[in-house]
Every structure is written in structure tokens, then in C-alpha cells.
Amino acid sequence: MSGAATQVLYSAGFVSTPRIEAGRTGAYFALFGEMGFALLVTTLIGALTGNWLDGQLGTSPILLIVSFLIGAGAGARLMYQLMNRFLAKTE
């Protein structure tokens, strides 16, 4: 009975490969940390710059929103570049 149950659960043609290669976990943590930090910094710089400009010019939320979106876009572009650089090194 145990042999039949084992045959159902096991297939000789199926080979499971790990999603993350051994020894590369630290590289993935570093990449995702760098990406998160880059997005945080660019968005924060954009928002703070827009807030300061709004205070100087008296245009309450307009420049804050625009510069926040510019900062978020710059962060997304930077994340894209970081991911491409990482993938080019791994291949």
C-alpha cells in the first residue's frame, strides 16, 4: 500500500529547482533594500521640495503633488535600472 501511495505523489520526470540559488539570498536582500531605499529617497526629496516651493510661492498643494509624482517616477526609473543591472550581472 505504501508503494502505491508513493507512486502517486512522486514523478521521476519532475525535478524541483530552488527559486533562489544557494548563496544568493544576501544579493537579493541587498537588491530589494537598495530598490526600496531609492524609491523612498527620491519620493521624499520630491515631496519635500514641492512642499517648500508651495510655501515660498503660496500655491498650496499643487507643486507638492507634481513634485511628489516626479520623485515617484524618478524612483521607479531608478528601480528599473537597478533591476536591469542586477539581472545583467546574474546572467
PDB file of N, CA and C in Angstrom:
ATOM      1  N   MET A   1       0.811  -1.195   0.000  1.00  0.00           N
ATOM      2  CA  MET A   1       0.000   0.000   0.000  1.00  0.00           C
ATOM      3  C   MET A   1       0.856   1.262   0.000  1.00  0.00           C
ATOM      4  N   SER A   2       1.901   1.274   0.785  1.00  0.00           N
ATOM      5  CA  SER A   2       2.716   2.473   0.849  1.00  0.00           C
ATOM      6  C   SER A   2       3.431   2.719  -0.479  1.00  0.00           C
ATOM      7  N   GLY A   3       3.783   1.659  -1.206  1.00  0.00           N
ATOM      8  CA  GLY A   3       4.428   1.826  -2.505  1.00  0.00           C
ATOM      9  C   GLY A   3       3.501   2.477  -3.514  1.00  0.00           C
ATOM     10  N   ALA A   4       2.223   2.120  -3.513  1.00  0.00           N
ATOM     11  CA  ALA A   4       1.257   2.705  -4.435  1.00  0.00           C
ATOM     12  C   ALA A   4       1.023   4.179  -4.109  1.00  0.00           C
ATOM     13  N   ALA A   5       0.971   4.499  -2.828  1.00  0.00           N
ATOM     14  CA  ALA A   5       0.761   5.890  -2.437  1.00  0.00           C
ATOM     15  C   ALA A   5       1.972   6.730  -2.827  1.00  0.00           C
ATOM     16  N   THR A   6       3.165   6.147  -2.737  1.00  0.00           N
ATOM     17  CA  THR A   6       4.367   6.862  -3.099  1.00  0.00           C
ATOM     18  C   THR A   6       4.401   7.113  -4.601  1.00  0.00           C
ATOM     19  N   GLN A   7       3.944   6.177  -5.402  1.00  0.00           N
ATOM     20  CA  GLN A   7       3.921   6.335  -6.852  1.00  0.00           C
ATOM     21  C   GLN A   7       3.020   7.496  -7.271  1.00  0.00           C
ATOM     22  N   VAL A   8       1.927   7.699  -6.576  1.00  0.00           N
ATOM     23  CA  VAL A   8       1.005   8.767  -6.923  1.00  0.00           C
ATOM     24  C   VAL A   8       1.624  10.135  -6.613  1.00  0.00           C
ATOM     25  N   LEU A   9       2.372  10.237  -5.525  1.00  0.00           N
ATOM     26  CA  LEU A   9       2.916  11.519  -5.095  1.00  0.00           C
ATOM     27  C   LEU A   9       4.250  11.846  -5.749  1.00  0.00           C
ATOM     28  N   TYR A  10       4.920  10.874  -6.334  1.00  0.00           N
ATOM     29  CA  TYR A  10       6.254  11.108  -6.871  1.00  0.00           C
ATOM     30  C   TYR A  10       6.276  10.847  -8.362  1.00  0.00           C
ATOM     31  N   SER A  11       6.891  11.717  -9.105  1.00  0.00           N
ATOM     32  CA  SER A  11       7.069  11.521 -10.530  1.00  0.00           C
ATOM     33  C   SER A  11       8.548  11.655 -10.838  1.00  0.00           C
ATOM     34  N   ALA A  12       9.121  10.663 -11.497  1.00  0.00           N
ATOM     35  CA  ALA A  12      10.557  10.667 -11.778  1.00  0.00           C
ATOM     36  C   ALA A  12      10.944  11.784 -12.737  1.00  0.00           C
ATOM     37  N   GLY A  13      10.044  12.223 -13.585  1.00  0.00           N
ATOM     38  CA  GLY A  13      10.356  13.267 -14.550  1.00  0.00           C
ATOM     39  C   GLY A  13      10.291  14.678 -13.978  1.00  0.00           C
ATOM     40  N   PHE A  14       9.731  14.816 -12.793  1.00  0.00           N
ATOM     41  CA  PHE A  14       9.585  16.140 -12.191  1.00  0.00           C
ATOM     42  C   PHE A  14      10.805  16.447 -11.346  1.00  0.00           C
ATOM     43  N   VAL A  15      11.501  17.520 -11.717  1.00  0.00           N
ATOM     44  CA  VAL A  15      12.669  17.939 -10.958  1.00  0.00           C
ATOM     45  C   VAL A  15      12.401  19.330 -10.422  1.00  0.00           C
ATOM     46  N   SER A  16      12.416  19.443  -9.132  1.00  0.00           N
ATOM     47  CA  SER A  16      12.172  20.726  -8.497  1.00  0.00           C
ATOM     48  C   SER A  16      13.487  21.492  -8.358  1.00  0.00           C
ATOM     49  N   THR A  17      13.477  22.727  -8.797  1.00  0.00           N
ATOM     50  CA  THR A  17      14.665  23.563  -8.641  1.00  0.00           C
ATOM     51  C   THR A  17      14.337  24.679  -7.666  1.00  0.00           C
ATOM     52  N   PRO A  18      15.291  25.065  -6.862  1.00  0.00           N
ATOM     53  CA  PRO A  18      15.017  26.146  -5.919  1.00  0.00           C
ATOM     54  C   PRO A  18      14.824  27.478  -6.634  1.00  0.00           C
ATOM     55  N   ARG A  19      13.983  28.317  -6.097  1.00  0.00           N
ATOM     56  CA  ARG A  19      13.712  29.623  -6.696  1.00  0.00           C
ATOM     57  C   ARG A  19      14.910  30.555  -6.544  1.00  0.00           C
ATOM     58  N   ILE A  20      15.570  30.486  -5.407  1.00  0.00           N
ATOM     59  CA  ILE A  20      16.738  31.311  -5.150  1.00  0.00           C
ATOM     60  C   ILE A  20      17.931  30.386  -4.992  1.00  0.00           C
ATOM     61  N   GLU A  21      18.973  30.638  -5.756  1.00  0.00           N
ATOM     62  CA  GLU A  21      20.144  29.785  -5.709  1.00  0.00           C
ATOM     63  C   GLU A  21      20.822  29.917  -4.350  1.00  0.00           C
ATOM     64  N   ALA A  22      21.455  28.856  -3.928  1.00  0.00           N
ATOM     65  CA  ALA A  22      22.160  28.870  -2.648  1.00  0.00           C
ATOM     66  C   ALA A  22      23.275  29.907  -2.692  1.00  0.00           C
ATOM     67  N   GLY A  23      23.410  30.672  -1.644  1.00  0.00           N
ATOM     68  CA  GLY A  23      24.447  31.684  -1.572  1.00  0.00           C
ATOM     69  C   GLY A  23      24.069  33.018  -2.181  1.00  0.00           C
ATOM     70  N   ARG A  24      22.895  33.133  -2.784  1.00  0.00           N
ATOM     71  CA  ARG A  24      22.484  34.384  -3.433  1.00  0.00           C
ATOM     72  C   ARG A  24      21.403  35.122  -2.642  1.00  0.00           C
ATOM     73  N   THR A  25      21.021  34.589  -1.510  1.00  0.00           N
ATOM     74  CA  THR A  25      19.964  35.220  -0.729  1.00  0.00           C
ATOM     75  C   THR A  25      20.364  36.623  -0.307  1.00  0.00           C
ATOM     76  N   GLY A  26      21.611  36.790   0.107  1.00  0.00           N
ATOM     77  CA  GLY A  26      22.095  38.109   0.510  1.00  0.00           C
ATOM     78  C   GLY A  26      22.057  39.110  -0.630  1.00  0.00           C
ATOM     79  N   ALA A  27      22.332  38.645  -1.850  1.00  0.00           N
ATOM     80  CA  ALA A  27      22.298  39.543  -3.008  1.00  0.00           C
ATOM     81  C   ALA A  27      20.871  40.021  -3.279  1.00  0.00           C
ATOM     82  N   TYR A  28      19.897  39.138  -3.109  1.00  0.00           N
ATOM     83  CA  TYR A  28      18.507  39.537  -3.307  1.00  0.00           C
ATOM     84  C   TYR A  28      18.059  40.519  -2.226  1.00  0.00           C
ATOM     85  N   PHE A  29      18.449  40.265  -0.977  1.00  0.00           N
ATOM     86  CA  PHE A  29      18.113  41.198   0.100  1.00  0.00           C
ATOM     87  C   PHE A  29      18.733  42.569  -0.158  1.00  0.00           C
ATOM     88  N   ALA A  30      19.973  42.587  -0.617  1.00  0.00           N
ATOM     89  CA  ALA A  30      20.644  43.851  -0.912  1.00  0.00           C
ATOM     90  C   ALA A  30      19.938  44.579  -2.054  1.00  0.00           C
ATOM     91  N   LEU A  31      19.550  43.846  -3.092  1.00  0.00           N
ATOM     92  CA  LEU A  31      18.855  44.467  -4.226  1.00  0.00           C
ATOM     93  C   LEU A  31      17.538  45.080  -3.788  1.00  0.00           C
ATOM     94  N   PHE A  32      16.725  44.323  -3.063  1.00  0.00           N
ATOM     95  CA  PHE A  32      15.421  44.839  -2.665  1.00  0.00           C
ATOM     96  C   PHE A  32      15.551  45.964  -1.654  1.00  0.00           C
ATOM     97  N   GLY A  33      16.557  45.907  -0.802  1.00  0.00           N
ATOM     98  CA  GLY A  33      16.801  47.006   0.119  1.00  0.00           C
ATOM     99  C   GLY A  33      17.214  48.265  -0.614  1.00  0.00           C
ATOM    100  N   GLU A  34      18.086  48.107  -1.601  1.00  0.00           N
ATOM    101  CA  GLU A  34      18.531  49.253  -2.397  1.00  0.00           C
ATOM    102  C   GLU A  34      17.378  49.841  -3.197  1.00  0.00           C
ATOM    103  N   MET A  35      16.530  48.987  -3.734  1.00  0.00           N
ATOM    104  CA  MET A  35      15.388  49.474  -4.506  1.00  0.00           C
ATOM    105  C   MET A  35      14.408  50.237  -3.612  1.00  0.00           C
ATOM    106  N   GLY A  36      14.119  49.700  -2.451  1.00  0.00           N
ATOM    107  CA  GLY A  36      13.209  50.369  -1.531  1.00  0.00           C
ATOM    108  C   GLY A  36      13.759  51.705  -1.058  1.00  0.00           C
ATOM    109  N   PHE A  37      15.063  51.724  -0.737  1.00  0.00           N
ATOM    110  CA  PHE A  37      15.693  52.957  -0.291  1.00  0.00           C
ATOM    111  C   PHE A  37      15.685  54.004  -1.400  1.00  0.00           C
ATOM    112  N   ALA A  38      15.954  53.589  -2.623  1.00  0.00           N
ATOM    113  CA  ALA A  38      15.966  54.520  -3.753  1.00  0.00           C
ATOM    114  C   ALA A  38      14.579  55.120  -3.974  1.00  0.00           C
ATOM    115  N   LEU A  39      13.547  54.300  -3.902  1.00  0.00           N
ATOM    116  CA  LEU A  39      12.185  54.805  -4.085  1.00  0.00           C
ATOM    117  C   LEU A  39      11.800  55.747  -2.951  1.00  0.00           C
ATOM    118  N   LEU A  40      12.166  55.399  -1.732  1.00  0.00           N
ATOM    119  CA  LEU A  40      11.856  56.240  -0.588  1.00  0.00           C
ATOM    120  C   LEU A  40      12.537  57.601  -0.693  1.00  0.00           C
ATOM    121  N   VAL A  41      13.823  57.600  -0.993  1.00  0.00           N
ATOM    122  CA  VAL A  41      14.583  58.855  -1.028  1.00  0.00           C
ATOM    123  C   VAL A  41      14.106  59.765  -2.153  1.00  0.00           C
ATOM    124  N   THR A  42      13.930  59.233  -3.354  1.00  0.00           N
ATOM    125  CA  THR A  42      13.513  60.097  -4.466  1.00  0.00           C
ATOM    126  C   THR A  42      12.118  60.664  -4.250  1.00  0.00           C
ATOM    127  N   THR A  43      11.213  59.855  -3.716  1.00  0.00           N
ATOM    128  CA  THR A  43       9.860  60.336  -3.461  1.00  0.00           C
ATOM    129  C   THR A  43       9.860  61.371  -2.339  1.00  0.00           C
ATOM    130  N   LEU A  44      10.637  61.111  -1.307  1.00  0.00           N
ATOM    131  CA  LEU A  44      10.708  62.050  -0.194  1.00  0.00           C
ATOM    132  C   LEU A  44      11.333  63.373  -0.615  1.00  0.00           C
ATOM    133  N   ILE A  45      12.388  63.325  -1.399  1.00  0.00           N
ATOM    134  CA  ILE A  45      13.005  64.560  -1.895  1.00  0.00           C
ATOM    135  C   ILE A  45      12.012  65.345  -2.755  1.00  0.00           C
ATOM    136  N   GLY A  46      11.276  64.652  -3.610  1.00  0.00           N
ATOM    137  CA  GLY A  46      10.272  65.325  -4.430  1.00  0.00           C
ATOM    138  C   GLY A  46       9.191  65.972  -3.587  1.00  0.00           C
ATOM    139  N   ALA A  47       8.687  65.259  -2.590  1.00  0.00           N
ATOM    140  CA  ALA A  47       7.616  65.800  -1.757  1.00  0.00           C
ATOM    141  C   ALA A  47       8.103  66.979  -0.922  1.00  0.00           C
ATOM    142  N   LEU A  48       9.290  66.865  -0.354  1.00  0.00           N
ATOM    143  CA  LEU A  48       9.812  67.968   0.461  1.00  0.00           C
ATOM    144  C   LEU A  48      10.118  69.194  -0.387  1.00  0.00           C
ATOM    145  N   THR A  49      10.637  68.979  -1.578  1.00  0.00           N
ATOM    146  CA  THR A  49      10.903  70.099  -2.478  1.00  0.00           C
ATOM    147  C   THR A  49       9.597  70.790  -2.869  1.00  0.00           C
ATOM    148  N   GLY A  50       8.585  70.019  -3.198  1.00  0.00           N
ATOM    149  CA  GLY A  50       7.287  70.590  -3.559  1.00  0.00           C
ATOM    150  C   GLY A  50       6.645  71.322  -2.404  1.00  0.00           C
ATOM    151  N   ASN A  51       6.779  70.776  -1.205  1.00  0.00           N
ATOM    152  CA  ASN A  51       6.231  71.442  -0.026  1.00  0.00           C
ATOM    153  C   ASN A  51       6.939  72.774   0.219  1.00  0.00           C
ATOM    154  N   TRP A  52       8.244  72.792   0.076  1.00  0.00           N
ATOM    155  CA  TRP A  52       9.000  74.027   0.262  1.00  0.00           C
ATOM    156  C   TRP A  52       8.624  75.059  -0.804  1.00  0.00           C
ATOM    157  N   LEU A  53       8.535  74.616  -2.064  1.00  0.00           N
ATOM    158  CA  LEU A  53       8.153  75.540  -3.133  1.00  0.00           C
ATOM    159  C   LEU A  53       6.742  76.081  -2.931  1.00  0.00           C
ATOM    160  N   ASP A  54       5.826  75.234  -2.471  1.00  0.00           N
ATOM    161  CA  ASP A  54       4.466  75.700  -2.183  1.00  0.00           C
ATOM    162  C   ASP A  54       4.473  76.749  -1.083  1.00  0.00           C
ATOM    163  N   GLY A  55       5.311  76.576  -0.085  1.00  0.00           N
ATOM    164  CA  GLY A  55       5.411  77.567   0.980  1.00  0.00           C
ATOM    165  C   GLY A  55       5.993  78.878   0.486  1.00  0.00           C
ATOM    166  N   GLN A  56       6.934  78.808  -0.438  1.00  0.00           N
ATOM    167  CA  GLN A  56       7.561  80.019  -0.964  1.00  0.00           C
ATOM    168  C   GLN A  56       6.637  80.769  -1.922  1.00  0.00           C
ATOM    169  N   LEU A  57       5.918  80.026  -2.725  1.00  0.00           N
ATOM    170  CA  LEU A  57       5.098  80.647  -3.771  1.00  0.00           C
ATOM    171  C   LEU A  57       3.630  80.802  -3.395  1.00  0.00           C
ATOM    172  N   GLY A  58       3.196  80.140  -2.340  1.00  0.00           N
ATOM    173  CA  GLY A  58       1.802  80.230  -1.923  1.00  0.00           C
ATOM    174  C   GLY A  58       0.844  79.415  -2.763  1.00  0.00           C
ATOM    175  N   THR A  59       1.327  78.435  -3.467  1.00  0.00           N
ATOM    176  CA  THR A  59       0.467  77.552  -4.273  1.00  0.00           C
ATOM    177  C   THR A  59       0.301  76.240  -3.511  1.00  0.00           C
ATOM    178  N   SER A  60      -0.668  76.214  -2.626  1.00  0.00           N
ATOM    179  CA  SER A  60      -0.758  75.201  -1.580  1.00  0.00           C
ATOM    180  C   SER A  60      -0.427  73.768  -1.988  1.00  0.00           C
ATOM    181  N   PRO A  61      -1.307  72.987  -2.585  1.00  0.00           N
ATOM    182  CA  PRO A  61      -0.901  71.594  -2.787  1.00  0.00           C
ATOM    183  C   PRO A  61      -0.396  71.273  -4.188  1.00  0.00           C
ATOM    184  N   ILE A  62      -0.397  72.235  -5.086  1.00  0.00           N
ATOM    185  CA  ILE A  62      -0.142  71.928  -6.496  1.00  0.00           C
ATOM    186  C   ILE A  62       1.286  71.441  -6.727  1.00  0.00           C
ATOM    187  N   LEU A  63       2.260  72.199  -6.280  1.00  0.00           N
ATOM    188  CA  LEU A  63       3.648  71.815  -6.516  1.00  0.00           C
ATOM    189  C   LEU A  63       4.050  70.594  -5.684  1.00  0.00           C
ATOM    190  N   LEU A  64       3.420  70.424  -4.532  1.00  0.00           N
ATOM    191  CA  LEU A  64       3.669  69.229  -3.723  1.00  0.00           C
ATOM    192  C   LEU A  64       3.264  67.973  -4.483  1.00  0.00           C
ATOM    193  N   ILE A  65       2.093  67.996  -5.075  1.00  0.00           N
ATOM    194  CA  ILE A  65       1.602  66.831  -5.821  1.00  0.00           C
ATOM    195  C   ILE A  65       2.460  66.578  -7.059  1.00  0.00           C
ATOM    196  N   VAL A  66       2.764  67.634  -7.785  1.00  0.00           N
ATOM    197  CA  VAL A  66       3.551  67.486  -9.012  1.00  0.00           C
ATOM    198  C   VAL A  66       4.945  66.956  -8.697  1.00  0.00           C
ATOM    199  N   SER A  67       5.601  67.543  -7.701  1.00  0.00           N
ATOM    200  CA  SER A  67       6.961  67.095  -7.382  1.00  0.00           C
ATOM    201  C   SER A  67       6.962  65.713  -6.739  1.00  0.00           C
ATOM    202  N   PHE A  68       5.911  65.366  -6.005  1.00  0.00           N
ATOM    203  CA  PHE A  68       5.794  64.007  -5.477  1.00  0.00           C
ATOM    204  C   PHE A  68       5.735  62.992  -6.620  1.00  0.00           C
ATOM    205  N   LEU A  69       4.924  63.294  -7.624  1.00  0.00           N
ATOM    206  CA  LEU A  69       4.816  62.394  -8.771  1.00  0.00           C
ATOM    207  C   LEU A  69       6.117  62.323  -9.563  1.00  0.00           C
ATOM    208  N   ILE A  70       6.808  63.452  -9.684  1.00  0.00           N
ATOM    209  CA  ILE A  70       8.110  63.442 -10.365  1.00  0.00           C
ATOM    210  C   ILE A  70       9.106  62.601  -9.589  1.00  0.00           C
ATOM    211  N   GLY A  71       9.117  62.748  -8.267  1.00  0.00           N
ATOM    212  CA  GLY A  71      10.010  61.947  -7.432  1.00  0.00           C
ATOM    213  C   GLY A  71       9.687  60.465  -7.492  1.00  0.00           C
ATOM    214  N   ALA A  72       8.397  60.128  -7.479  1.00  0.00           N
ATOM    215  CA  ALA A  72       7.995  58.719  -7.576  1.00  0.00           C
ATOM    216  C   ALA A  72       8.371  58.146  -8.948  1.00  0.00           C
ATOM    217  N   GLY A  73       8.223  58.940  -9.994  1.00  0.00           N
ATOM    218  CA  GLY A  73       8.625  58.493 -11.327  1.00  0.00           C
ATOM    219  C   GLY A  73      10.124  58.283 -11.424  1.00  0.00           C
ATOM    220  N   ALA A  74      10.882  59.196 -10.824  1.00  0.00           N
ATOM    221  CA  ALA A  74      12.338  59.037 -10.815  1.00  0.00           C
ATOM    222  C   ALA A  74      12.739  57.801 -10.021  1.00  0.00           C
ATOM    223  N   GLY A  75      12.041  57.539  -8.922  1.00  0.00           N
ATOM    224  CA  GLY A  75      12.320  56.345  -8.131  1.00  0.00           C
ATOM    225  C   GLY A  75      11.997  55.070  -8.886  1.00  0.00           C
ATOM    226  N   ALA A  76      10.901  55.074  -9.622  1.00  0.00           N
ATOM    227  CA  ALA A  76      10.538  53.896 -10.407  1.00  0.00           C
ATOM    228  C   ALA A  76      11.569  53.644 -11.502  1.00  0.00           C
ATOM    229  N   ARG A  77      12.036  54.716 -12.121  1.00  0.00           N
ATOM    230  CA  ARG A  77      13.067  54.571 -13.160  1.00  0.00           C
ATOM    231  C   ARG A  77      14.364  54.039 -12.567  1.00  0.00           C
ATOM    232  N   LEU A  78      14.726  54.533 -11.398  1.00  0.00           N
ATOM    233  CA  LEU A  78      15.932  54.074 -10.724  1.00  0.00           C
ATOM    234  C   LEU A  78      15.801  52.596 -10.328  1.00  0.00           C
ATOM    235  N   MET A  79      14.619  52.199  -9.868  1.00  0.00           N
ATOM    236  CA  MET A  79      14.393  50.784  -9.536  1.00  0.00           C
ATOM    237  C   MET A  79      14.535  49.916 -10.780  1.00  0.00           C
ATOM    238  N   TYR A  80      14.019  50.373 -11.897  1.00  0.00           N
ATOM    239  CA  TYR A  80      14.127  49.641 -13.158  1.00  0.00           C
ATOM    240  C   TYR A  80      15.599  49.475 -13.561  1.00  0.00           C
ATOM    241  N   GLN A  81      16.373  50.542 -13.420  1.00  0.00           N
ATOM    242  CA  GLN A  81      17.794  50.475 -13.756  1.00  0.00           C
ATOM    243  C   GLN A  81      18.551  49.535 -12.819  1.00  0.00           C
ATOM    244  N   LEU A  82      18.221  49.574 -11.534  1.00  0.00           N
ATOM    245  CA  LEU A  82      18.874  48.681 -10.575  1.00  0.00           C
ATOM    246  C   LEU A  82      18.564  47.220 -10.889  1.00  0.00           C
ATOM    247  N   MET A  83      17.311  46.944 -11.237  1.00  0.00           N
ATOM    248  CA  MET A  83      16.921  45.564 -11.548  1.00  0.00           C
ATOM    249  C   MET A  83      17.619  45.087 -12.813  1.00  0.00           C
ATOM    250  N   ASN A  84      17.695  45.923 -13.835  1.00  0.00           N
ATOM    251  CA  ASN A  84      18.385  45.526 -15.062  1.00  0.00           C
ATOM    252  C   ASN A  84      19.869  45.284 -14.823  1.00  0.00           C
ATOM    253  N   ARG A  85      20.498  46.137 -14.019  1.00  0.00           N
ATOM    254  CA  ARG A  85      21.907  45.952 -13.704  1.00  0.00           C
ATOM    255  C   ARG A  85      22.127  44.642 -12.945  1.00  0.00           C
ATOM    256  N   PHE A  86      21.226  44.332 -12.014  1.00  0.00           N
ATOM    257  CA  PHE A  86      21.341  43.109 -11.239  1.00  0.00           C
ATOM    258  C   PHE A  86      21.159  41.880 -12.136  1.00  0.00           C
ATOM    259  N   LEU A  87      20.178  41.928 -13.021  1.00  0.00           N
ATOM    260  CA  LEU A  87      19.918  40.791 -13.905  1.00  0.00           C
ATOM    261  C   LEU A  87      21.053  40.599 -14.907  1.00  0.00           C
ATOM    262  N   ALA A  88      21.685  41.676 -15.336  1.00  0.00           N
ATOM    263  CA  ALA A  88      22.815  41.559 -16.264  1.00  0.00           C
ATOM    264  C   ALA A  88      24.011  40.894 -15.584  1.00  0.00           C
ATOM    265  N   LYS A  89      24.187  41.149 -14.290  1.00  0.00           N
ATOM    266  CA  LYS A  89      25.295  40.526 -13.557  1.00  0.00           C
ATOM    267  C   LYS A  89      25.041  39.045 -13.303  1.00  0.00           C
ATOM    268  N   THR A  90      23.794  38.649 -13.126  1.00  0.00           N
ATOM    269  CA  THR A  90      23.490  37.262 -12.805  1.00  0.00           C
ATOM    270  C   THR A  90      23.514  36.344 -14.014  1.00  0.00           C
ATOM    271  N   GLU A  91      23.379  36.894 -15.205  1.00  0.00           N
ATOM    272  CA  GLU A  91      23.348  36.036 -16.397  1.00  0.00           C
ATOM    273  C   GLU A  91      24.714  35.689 -16.878  1.00  0.00           C
TER     274      GLU A  91
END
